Each structure stands twice: as C-alpha cells, then as structure tokens.
C-alpha cells in the first residue's frame, strides 16, 4: 500500500461527504472558506523483514471557517465519523479506523482539527525466485563422545 493511495482514498471519502473544498498541506493561499485541509502522517512504519511491512497512519482534517461556529464544527465531526465509519476502501485493501478524535487548535482554540487513527496494517510481499532448490544433501556427522561414532547422512527429495 502506497502512502499517496491512502491520502487519495481519505480525501475522496471526505470530498464525497462534504460540499467544502478539500486542500492538501501545500495550499497556502487562493483557497475558499469554509475549507477542509488534510494531512497524512505515518505513526508506524516498520519493515519486519524483506517481505513484510507493518504500517499505521494518522489522517488529520482541519476546518477553516468564514466565522467560527461550534455548531457547524460539531456537525463536521459527526459527518466525518459517519463517512469514515469503521474503515475505508483503499485500492484493493480495506483500512480500519482505530480512533476518531477532535480538538480545538490555534491561539484562540477556535479551529477544529479532527484526527483519525487507522489500525496497523501488515502487508506481506510474495517474491518468486527461479533459483533451483536443493534436491540432495550429503552430511558427515561425527559424534564427540568417549566412543566416537561416525556415520553419513544422505537426504534426497527435500
């Protein structure tokens, strides 16, 4: 699963749930209010092995209003909770919502920010290798005891 795919899926869910424009973190001016600004953060990115990746994301939504209205903000919180529900479809995957929370940010504590924590997701990559597998093994084993014994082991078709 690619980070960009997760962000795109989240923004799509958000834009389908609200009539407000959805902007990314690279928008500084030229936007219309009310507007939703989004960012995707990686909470966990752990490469367990060459073929296994465990990843978790946090999606943040910030509402910039024309004029602060707590009623509108709380409606947006409910709308986000309804839209994201227990999880969202992201390409061929379904990522589960762990937690949805909100807070008031800015110096006046009057800007709504909603945080959605997605559950950890483990992706296993299957690699195919054309290298031939071992078919026969010859091993010589020497047992170290008072009466040293030697014997040969031959294994076929492993």
N, C-alpha and C. Protein backbone atom coordinates (compact mmCIF):
# COMPACT_ATOMS: atom_id res chain seq x y z
N UNK A 1 0.84 -1.16 0.00
CA UNK A 1 0.00 0.00 0.00
C UNK A 1 0.90 1.23 0.00
N UNK A 2 0.61 2.13 -0.87
CA UNK A 2 1.40 3.35 -1.00
C UNK A 2 0.77 4.49 -0.20
N UNK A 3 1.61 5.34 0.36
CA UNK A 3 1.14 6.45 1.18
C UNK A 3 0.22 7.36 0.37
N UNK A 4 0.59 7.64 -0.86
CA UNK A 4 -0.24 8.50 -1.71
C UNK A 4 -1.63 7.91 -1.93
N UNK A 5 -1.71 6.58 -2.06
CA UNK A 5 -3.01 5.92 -2.24
C UNK A 5 -3.90 6.11 -1.02
N UNK A 6 -3.31 6.05 0.17
CA UNK A 6 -4.07 6.23 1.41
C UNK A 6 -4.59 7.66 1.48
N UNK A 7 -3.74 8.63 1.21
CA UNK A 7 -4.15 10.04 1.25
C UNK A 7 -5.25 10.31 0.23
N UNK A 8 -5.11 9.77 -0.97
CA UNK A 8 -6.12 9.96 -2.01
C UNK A 8 -7.45 9.35 -1.59
N UNK A 9 -7.41 8.16 -1.02
CA UNK A 9 -8.64 7.49 -0.58
C UNK A 9 -9.33 8.30 0.53
N UNK A 10 -8.55 8.79 1.48
CA UNK A 10 -9.11 9.60 2.58
C UNK A 10 -9.73 10.89 2.04
N UNK A 11 -9.02 11.58 1.17
CA UNK A 11 -9.54 12.82 0.60
C UNK A 11 -10.81 12.58 -0.21
N UNK A 12 -10.88 11.45 -0.89
CA UNK A 12 -12.08 11.12 -1.67
C UNK A 12 -13.28 10.92 -0.76
N UNK A 13 -13.09 10.18 0.33
CA UNK A 13 -14.18 9.97 1.29
C UNK A 13 -14.64 11.32 1.84
N UNK A 14 -13.71 12.17 2.17
CA UNK A 14 -14.02 13.48 2.74
C UNK A 14 -14.76 14.37 1.74
N UNK A 15 -14.30 14.40 0.50
CA UNK A 15 -14.94 15.26 -0.50
C UNK A 15 -16.33 14.75 -0.90
N UNK A 16 -16.56 13.44 -0.76
CA UNK A 16 -17.90 12.90 -1.04
C UNK A 16 -18.86 13.19 0.11
N UNK A 17 -18.33 13.39 1.31
CA UNK A 17 -19.17 13.61 2.49
C UNK A 17 -19.54 15.08 2.68
N UNK A 18 -18.72 16.00 2.15
CA UNK A 18 -18.93 17.42 2.39
C UNK A 18 -18.89 18.19 1.07
N UNK A 19 -19.55 19.33 1.08
CA UNK A 19 -19.51 20.20 -0.10
C UNK A 19 -18.34 21.16 -0.07
N UNK A 20 -17.60 21.17 1.03
CA UNK A 20 -16.45 22.06 1.17
C UNK A 20 -15.28 21.55 0.33
N UNK A 21 -14.49 22.48 -0.20
CA UNK A 21 -13.30 22.02 -0.93
C UNK A 21 -12.29 21.39 0.02
N UNK A 22 -11.54 20.41 -0.49
CA UNK A 22 -10.53 19.71 0.30
C UNK A 22 -9.16 20.09 -0.25
N UNK A 23 -8.30 20.59 0.60
CA UNK A 23 -6.97 21.03 0.20
C UNK A 23 -5.90 20.22 0.94
N UNK A 24 -4.75 20.13 0.32
CA UNK A 24 -3.61 19.46 0.93
C UNK A 24 -2.75 20.49 1.66
N UNK A 25 -1.68 20.02 2.28
CA UNK A 25 -0.81 20.91 3.07
C UNK A 25 0.01 21.87 2.21
N UNK A 26 0.01 21.66 0.91
CA UNK A 26 0.81 22.55 0.06
C UNK A 26 0.02 23.79 -0.40
N UNK A 27 -1.21 23.97 0.08
CA UNK A 27 -2.02 25.13 -0.27
C UNK A 27 -1.90 26.17 0.83
N UNK A 28 -1.38 27.34 0.47
CA UNK A 28 -1.21 28.41 1.44
C UNK A 28 -2.13 29.60 1.20
N UNK A 29 -2.47 29.84 -0.05
CA UNK A 29 -3.38 30.93 -0.36
C UNK A 29 -4.16 30.58 -1.62
N UNK A 30 -5.19 31.36 -1.89
CA UNK A 30 -6.03 31.10 -3.06
C UNK A 30 -7.13 30.09 -2.80
N UNK A 31 -7.39 29.78 -1.56
CA UNK A 31 -8.44 28.82 -1.24
C UNK A 31 -9.69 29.58 -0.79
N UNK A 32 -10.83 28.90 -0.87
CA UNK A 32 -12.09 29.50 -0.43
C UNK A 32 -12.54 28.84 0.88
N UNK A 33 -13.11 29.64 1.74
CA UNK A 33 -13.61 29.16 3.03
C UNK A 33 -15.12 28.98 2.96
N UNK A 34 -15.69 28.11 3.72
CA UNK A 34 -15.07 27.11 4.57
C UNK A 34 -14.34 26.06 3.73
N UNK A 35 -13.26 25.55 4.28
CA UNK A 35 -12.43 24.58 3.57
C UNK A 35 -11.87 23.56 4.55
N UNK A 36 -11.59 22.39 4.02
CA UNK A 36 -11.00 21.31 4.80
C UNK A 36 -9.57 21.10 4.32
N UNK A 37 -8.63 21.17 5.24
CA UNK A 37 -7.23 20.93 4.93
C UNK A 37 -6.84 19.59 5.54
N UNK A 38 -6.12 18.79 4.77
CA UNK A 38 -5.80 17.44 5.24
C UNK A 38 -4.30 17.17 5.19
N UNK A 39 -3.89 16.28 6.07
CA UNK A 39 -2.52 15.79 6.04
C UNK A 39 -2.52 14.35 6.52
N UNK A 40 -1.58 13.59 6.03
CA UNK A 40 -1.44 12.19 6.40
C UNK A 40 -0.08 12.00 7.05
N UNK A 41 -0.08 11.45 8.25
CA UNK A 41 1.15 11.20 8.99
C UNK A 41 1.33 9.71 9.18
N UNK A 42 2.55 9.27 9.16
CA UNK A 42 2.85 7.87 9.43
C UNK A 42 3.13 7.72 10.92
N UNK A 43 2.31 6.92 11.60
CA UNK A 43 2.52 6.66 13.02
C UNK A 43 3.50 5.53 13.24
N UNK A 44 3.47 4.58 12.34
CA UNK A 44 4.36 3.42 12.45
C UNK A 44 4.72 2.98 11.04
N UNK A 45 5.99 2.74 10.83
CA UNK A 45 6.48 2.20 9.56
C UNK A 45 7.61 1.26 9.93
N UNK A 46 7.31 -0.02 9.96
CA UNK A 46 8.30 -0.98 10.42
C UNK A 46 8.45 -2.09 9.39
N UNK A 47 9.64 -2.21 8.85
CA UNK A 47 9.97 -3.25 7.90
C UNK A 47 10.41 -4.45 8.72
N UNK A 48 9.50 -5.41 8.93
CA UNK A 48 9.79 -6.57 9.76
C UNK A 48 10.79 -7.51 9.11
N UNK A 49 10.73 -7.60 7.79
CA UNK A 49 11.66 -8.43 7.02
C UNK A 49 11.66 -7.90 5.60
N UNK A 50 12.36 -8.59 4.73
CA UNK A 50 12.40 -8.15 3.33
C UNK A 50 11.03 -8.26 2.68
N UNK A 51 10.17 -9.10 3.23
CA UNK A 51 8.86 -9.35 2.61
C UNK A 51 7.69 -8.89 3.46
N UNK A 52 7.92 -8.22 4.57
CA UNK A 52 6.82 -7.86 5.47
C UNK A 52 6.97 -6.43 5.96
N UNK A 53 5.90 -5.65 5.82
CA UNK A 53 5.88 -4.26 6.23
C UNK A 53 4.65 -4.02 7.10
N UNK A 54 4.86 -3.42 8.27
CA UNK A 54 3.75 -3.02 9.14
C UNK A 54 3.73 -1.50 9.17
N UNK A 55 2.53 -0.96 8.88
CA UNK A 55 2.42 0.50 8.76
C UNK A 55 1.10 0.95 9.39
N UNK A 56 1.10 2.16 9.95
CA UNK A 56 -0.12 2.76 10.51
C UNK A 56 -0.10 4.25 10.20
N UNK A 57 -1.27 4.78 9.92
CA UNK A 57 -1.39 6.18 9.52
C UNK A 57 -2.30 6.96 10.47
N UNK A 58 -2.06 8.27 10.53
CA UNK A 58 -2.96 9.21 11.17
C UNK A 58 -3.34 10.24 10.12
N UNK A 59 -4.64 10.46 9.96
CA UNK A 59 -5.16 11.41 8.99
C UNK A 59 -5.74 12.58 9.77
N UNK A 60 -5.26 13.79 9.48
CA UNK A 60 -5.73 14.99 10.18
C UNK A 60 -6.53 15.87 9.23
N UNK A 61 -7.64 16.36 9.73
CA UNK A 61 -8.53 17.24 8.97
C UNK A 61 -8.67 18.53 9.77
N UNK A 62 -8.38 19.66 9.13
CA UNK A 62 -8.52 20.95 9.78
C UNK A 62 -9.56 21.76 9.02
N UNK A 63 -10.56 22.26 9.74
CA UNK A 63 -11.63 23.07 9.14
C UNK A 63 -11.33 24.54 9.33
N UNK A 64 -11.23 25.26 8.23
CA UNK A 64 -11.09 26.72 8.29
C UNK A 64 -12.43 27.31 7.87
N UNK A 65 -13.06 28.01 8.80
CA UNK A 65 -14.40 28.57 8.57
C UNK A 65 -14.32 30.04 8.17
N UNK A 66 -15.44 30.57 7.70
CA UNK A 66 -15.54 32.01 7.48
C UNK A 66 -15.64 32.72 8.83
N UNK A 67 -16.49 32.18 9.68
CA UNK A 67 -16.71 32.72 11.01
C UNK A 67 -16.92 31.52 11.92
N UNK A 68 -16.29 31.52 13.09
CA UNK A 68 -16.33 30.34 13.96
C UNK A 68 -17.75 30.02 14.43
N UNK A 69 -18.13 28.78 14.26
CA UNK A 69 -19.42 28.28 14.71
C UNK A 69 -19.21 26.89 15.29
N UNK A 70 -19.35 26.77 16.60
CA UNK A 70 -19.17 25.47 17.23
C UNK A 70 -20.20 24.46 16.71
N UNK A 71 -21.40 24.92 16.45
CA UNK A 71 -22.44 24.04 15.92
C UNK A 71 -22.02 23.42 14.59
N UNK A 72 -21.51 24.25 13.69
CA UNK A 72 -21.03 23.76 12.40
C UNK A 72 -19.87 22.77 12.60
N UNK A 73 -18.95 23.11 13.48
CA UNK A 73 -17.80 22.24 13.73
C UNK A 73 -18.23 20.87 14.24
N UNK A 74 -19.16 20.84 15.16
CA UNK A 74 -19.62 19.56 15.70
C UNK A 74 -20.37 18.76 14.65
N UNK A 75 -21.07 19.44 13.75
CA UNK A 75 -21.72 18.74 12.62
C UNK A 75 -20.66 18.12 11.71
N UNK A 76 -19.54 18.81 11.52
CA UNK A 76 -18.45 18.27 10.70
C UNK A 76 -17.84 17.04 11.38
N UNK A 77 -17.68 17.10 12.71
CA UNK A 77 -17.16 15.94 13.45
C UNK A 77 -18.08 14.74 13.23
N UNK A 78 -19.38 14.94 13.37
CA UNK A 78 -20.33 13.85 13.15
C UNK A 78 -20.30 13.35 11.71
N UNK A 79 -20.18 14.28 10.76
CA UNK A 79 -20.12 13.90 9.36
C UNK A 79 -18.89 13.08 9.02
N UNK A 80 -17.76 13.45 9.60
CA UNK A 80 -16.52 12.69 9.39
C UNK A 80 -16.66 11.30 10.00
N UNK A 81 -17.21 11.24 11.22
CA UNK A 81 -17.40 9.93 11.87
C UNK A 81 -18.30 9.03 11.04
N UNK A 82 -19.35 9.58 10.48
CA UNK A 82 -20.25 8.80 9.63
C UNK A 82 -19.57 8.37 8.33
N UNK A 83 -18.82 9.28 7.72
CA UNK A 83 -18.19 9.00 6.43
C UNK A 83 -17.11 7.94 6.53
N UNK A 84 -16.30 8.01 7.58
CA UNK A 84 -15.19 7.07 7.72
C UNK A 84 -15.62 5.78 8.41
N UNK A 85 -16.65 5.86 9.23
CA UNK A 85 -17.20 4.67 9.87
C UNK A 85 -16.15 3.82 10.54
N UNK A 86 -16.18 2.51 10.23
CA UNK A 86 -15.20 1.60 10.81
C UNK A 86 -13.97 1.43 9.94
N UNK A 87 -14.02 1.99 8.72
CA UNK A 87 -12.87 1.88 7.83
C UNK A 87 -13.21 2.37 6.44
N UNK A 88 -12.18 2.43 5.59
CA UNK A 88 -12.38 2.89 4.21
C UNK A 88 -11.67 1.95 3.25
N UNK A 89 -12.14 1.95 2.03
CA UNK A 89 -11.54 1.17 0.96
C UNK A 89 -10.38 1.97 0.37
N UNK A 90 -9.24 1.31 0.24
CA UNK A 90 -8.06 1.95 -0.32
C UNK A 90 -7.46 1.00 -1.34
N UNK A 91 -7.78 1.20 -2.60
CA UNK A 91 -7.33 0.28 -3.64
C UNK A 91 -7.92 -1.09 -3.41
N UNK A 92 -7.08 -2.09 -3.32
CA UNK A 92 -7.56 -3.46 -3.08
C UNK A 92 -7.65 -3.79 -1.60
N UNK A 93 -7.33 -2.82 -0.73
CA UNK A 93 -7.32 -3.04 0.71
C UNK A 93 -8.47 -2.29 1.37
N UNK A 94 -8.74 -2.68 2.60
CA UNK A 94 -9.70 -2.00 3.45
C UNK A 94 -8.95 -1.67 4.73
N UNK A 95 -8.79 -0.38 5.01
CA UNK A 95 -8.06 0.00 6.22
C UNK A 95 -9.06 0.40 7.32
N UNK A 96 -8.82 -0.13 8.49
CA UNK A 96 -9.74 0.04 9.61
C UNK A 96 -9.44 1.29 10.41
N UNK A 97 -10.49 1.94 10.86
CA UNK A 97 -10.36 3.11 11.72
C UNK A 97 -10.21 2.61 13.15
N UNK A 98 -9.16 3.06 13.81
CA UNK A 98 -8.92 2.72 15.20
C UNK A 98 -9.61 3.71 16.13
N UNK A 99 -9.49 5.01 15.78
CA UNK A 99 -9.97 6.04 16.69
C UNK A 99 -10.22 7.32 15.90
N UNK A 100 -11.28 8.03 16.27
CA UNK A 100 -11.56 9.36 15.71
C UNK A 100 -11.69 10.31 16.89
N UNK A 101 -10.94 11.40 16.85
CA UNK A 101 -10.95 12.37 17.94
C UNK A 101 -10.91 13.78 17.33
N UNK A 102 -11.27 14.77 18.10
CA UNK A 102 -11.15 16.14 17.62
C UNK A 102 -10.61 17.03 18.72
N UNK A 103 -10.11 18.19 18.29
CA UNK A 103 -9.52 19.14 19.22
C UNK A 103 -9.68 20.53 18.64
N UNK A 104 -9.52 21.52 19.49
CA UNK A 104 -9.54 22.91 19.06
C UNK A 104 -8.10 23.42 19.06
N UNK A 105 -7.64 23.93 17.92
CA UNK A 105 -6.26 24.39 17.81
C UNK A 105 -6.22 25.89 17.53
N UNK A 106 -5.08 26.44 17.41
CA UNK A 106 -4.79 27.84 17.15
C UNK A 106 -4.71 28.58 18.48
N UNK A 107 -4.25 29.80 18.43
CA UNK A 107 -4.05 30.58 19.66
C UNK A 107 -5.37 30.87 20.38
N UNK A 108 -6.47 30.93 19.65
CA UNK A 108 -7.78 31.18 20.26
C UNK A 108 -8.57 29.90 20.51
N UNK A 109 -7.98 28.77 20.21
CA UNK A 109 -8.68 27.48 20.33
C UNK A 109 -10.03 27.51 19.62
N UNK A 110 -10.04 28.01 18.39
CA UNK A 110 -11.30 28.12 17.65
C UNK A 110 -11.23 27.49 16.26
N UNK A 111 -10.21 26.70 16.00
CA UNK A 111 -10.11 26.00 14.72
C UNK A 111 -10.22 24.51 15.02
N UNK A 112 -11.15 23.87 14.33
CA UNK A 112 -11.41 22.45 14.54
C UNK A 112 -10.36 21.61 13.83
N UNK A 113 -9.81 20.63 14.55
CA UNK A 113 -8.93 19.64 13.92
C UNK A 113 -9.39 18.25 14.34
N UNK A 114 -9.68 17.43 13.35
CA UNK A 114 -10.13 16.05 13.58
C UNK A 114 -8.98 15.12 13.27
N UNK A 115 -8.75 14.15 14.13
CA UNK A 115 -7.68 13.18 13.95
C UNK A 115 -8.28 11.79 13.82
N UNK A 116 -7.92 11.11 12.74
CA UNK A 116 -8.36 9.73 12.53
C UNK A 116 -7.12 8.85 12.55
N UNK A 117 -7.09 7.95 13.52
CA UNK A 117 -6.00 6.98 13.61
C UNK A 117 -6.48 5.68 12.97
N UNK A 118 -5.73 5.22 11.99
CA UNK A 118 -6.04 3.94 11.35
C UNK A 118 -5.26 2.83 12.04
N UNK A 119 -5.85 1.65 12.07
CA UNK A 119 -5.20 0.49 12.70
C UNK A 119 -3.95 0.11 11.92
N UNK A 120 -3.02 -0.53 12.62
CA UNK A 120 -1.82 -1.02 11.94
C UNK A 120 -2.22 -2.00 10.85
N UNK A 121 -1.49 -1.92 9.76
CA UNK A 121 -1.77 -2.73 8.59
C UNK A 121 -0.48 -3.46 8.24
N UNK A 122 -0.56 -4.77 8.09
CA UNK A 122 0.63 -5.55 7.73
C UNK A 122 0.48 -6.05 6.30
N UNK A 123 1.47 -5.74 5.52
CA UNK A 123 1.47 -6.17 4.11
C UNK A 123 2.62 -7.14 3.92
N UNK A 124 2.31 -8.27 3.31
CA UNK A 124 3.32 -9.29 3.04
C UNK A 124 3.51 -9.37 1.54
N UNK A 125 4.75 -9.21 1.13
CA UNK A 125 5.09 -9.27 -0.29
C UNK A 125 5.59 -10.66 -0.61
N UNK A 126 4.99 -11.28 -1.59
CA UNK A 126 5.44 -12.61 -2.01
C UNK A 126 6.37 -12.41 -3.20
N UNK A 127 7.58 -12.90 -3.05
CA UNK A 127 8.53 -12.81 -4.15
C UNK A 127 8.75 -14.20 -4.73
N UNK A 128 8.86 -14.25 -6.01
CA UNK A 128 9.08 -15.52 -6.68
C UNK A 128 10.49 -15.54 -7.23
N UNK A 129 11.16 -16.63 -6.97
CA UNK A 129 12.55 -16.76 -7.35
C UNK A 129 12.70 -18.01 -8.21
N UNK A 130 13.37 -17.88 -9.33
CA UNK A 130 13.57 -19.02 -10.23
C UNK A 130 14.82 -19.83 -9.89
N UNK A 131 15.48 -19.49 -8.80
CA UNK A 131 16.67 -20.22 -8.40
C UNK A 131 16.28 -21.65 -8.07
N UNK A 132 17.01 -22.64 -8.62
CA UNK A 132 16.66 -24.03 -8.34
C UNK A 132 16.84 -24.36 -6.86
N UNK A 133 15.97 -25.20 -6.35
CA UNK A 133 16.07 -25.60 -4.95
C UNK A 133 16.97 -26.81 -4.81
N UNK A 134 17.55 -26.96 -3.63
CA UNK A 134 18.44 -28.07 -3.35
C UNK A 134 17.62 -29.37 -3.32
N UNK A 135 18.14 -30.40 -3.98
CA UNK A 135 17.44 -31.67 -4.04
C UNK A 135 18.15 -32.76 -3.25
N UNK A 136 19.45 -32.67 -3.07
CA UNK A 136 20.21 -33.67 -2.32
C UNK A 136 21.13 -32.99 -1.34
N UNK A 137 21.28 -33.63 -0.15
CA UNK A 137 22.17 -33.11 0.87
C UNK A 137 23.02 -34.26 1.39
N UNK A 138 24.32 -34.10 1.38
CA UNK A 138 25.24 -35.06 1.97
C UNK A 138 25.88 -34.41 3.18
N UNK A 139 25.80 -35.08 4.33
CA UNK A 139 26.33 -34.53 5.57
C UNK A 139 27.13 -35.62 6.28
N UNK A 140 28.29 -35.29 6.81
CA UNK A 140 29.07 -36.22 7.63
C UNK A 140 28.96 -35.73 9.06
N UNK A 141 28.52 -36.58 9.96
CA UNK A 141 28.32 -36.23 11.36
C UNK A 141 29.29 -37.03 12.20
N UNK A 142 30.04 -36.36 13.06
CA UNK A 142 30.95 -37.01 14.00
C UNK A 142 30.45 -36.69 15.39
N UNK A 143 30.10 -37.72 16.13
CA UNK A 143 29.60 -37.54 17.49
C UNK A 143 30.80 -37.53 18.44
N UNK A 144 30.97 -36.53 19.26
CA UNK A 144 32.07 -36.41 20.21
C UNK A 144 31.66 -37.05 21.54
N UNK A 145 32.05 -38.27 21.69
CA UNK A 145 31.81 -38.99 22.94
C UNK A 145 33.07 -39.80 23.25
N UNK A 146 33.02 -40.58 24.31
CA UNK A 146 34.18 -41.41 24.61
C UNK A 146 34.42 -42.43 23.50
N UNK A 147 33.35 -42.99 22.99
CA UNK A 147 33.46 -43.89 21.83
C UNK A 147 32.96 -43.11 20.62
N UNK A 148 33.85 -42.45 19.93
CA UNK A 148 33.46 -41.61 18.80
C UNK A 148 32.84 -42.46 17.70
N UNK A 149 31.65 -42.05 17.31
CA UNK A 149 30.97 -42.75 16.23
C UNK A 149 30.92 -41.81 15.04
N UNK A 150 31.05 -42.38 13.87
CA UNK A 150 30.92 -41.62 12.64
C UNK A 150 29.84 -42.28 11.81
N UNK A 151 29.02 -41.46 11.20
CA UNK A 151 28.05 -42.01 10.26
C UNK A 151 27.72 -40.95 9.25
N UNK A 152 27.28 -41.39 8.07
CA UNK A 152 26.94 -40.49 6.98
C UNK A 152 25.42 -40.38 6.90
N UNK A 153 24.95 -39.20 6.53
CA UNK A 153 23.52 -38.97 6.31
C UNK A 153 23.38 -38.49 4.88
N UNK A 154 22.46 -39.10 4.17
CA UNK A 154 22.16 -38.68 2.80
C UNK A 154 20.66 -38.47 2.70
N UNK A 155 20.23 -37.28 2.30
CA UNK A 155 18.80 -36.96 2.20
C UNK A 155 18.51 -36.61 0.76
N UNK A 156 17.47 -37.19 0.21
CA UNK A 156 17.05 -36.88 -1.16
C UNK A 156 15.62 -36.36 -1.14
N UNK A 157 15.32 -35.50 -2.11
CA UNK A 157 13.96 -35.03 -2.32
C UNK A 157 13.45 -34.09 -1.25
N UNK A 158 14.32 -33.33 -0.66
CA UNK A 158 13.91 -32.38 0.37
C UNK A 158 13.31 -31.16 -0.29
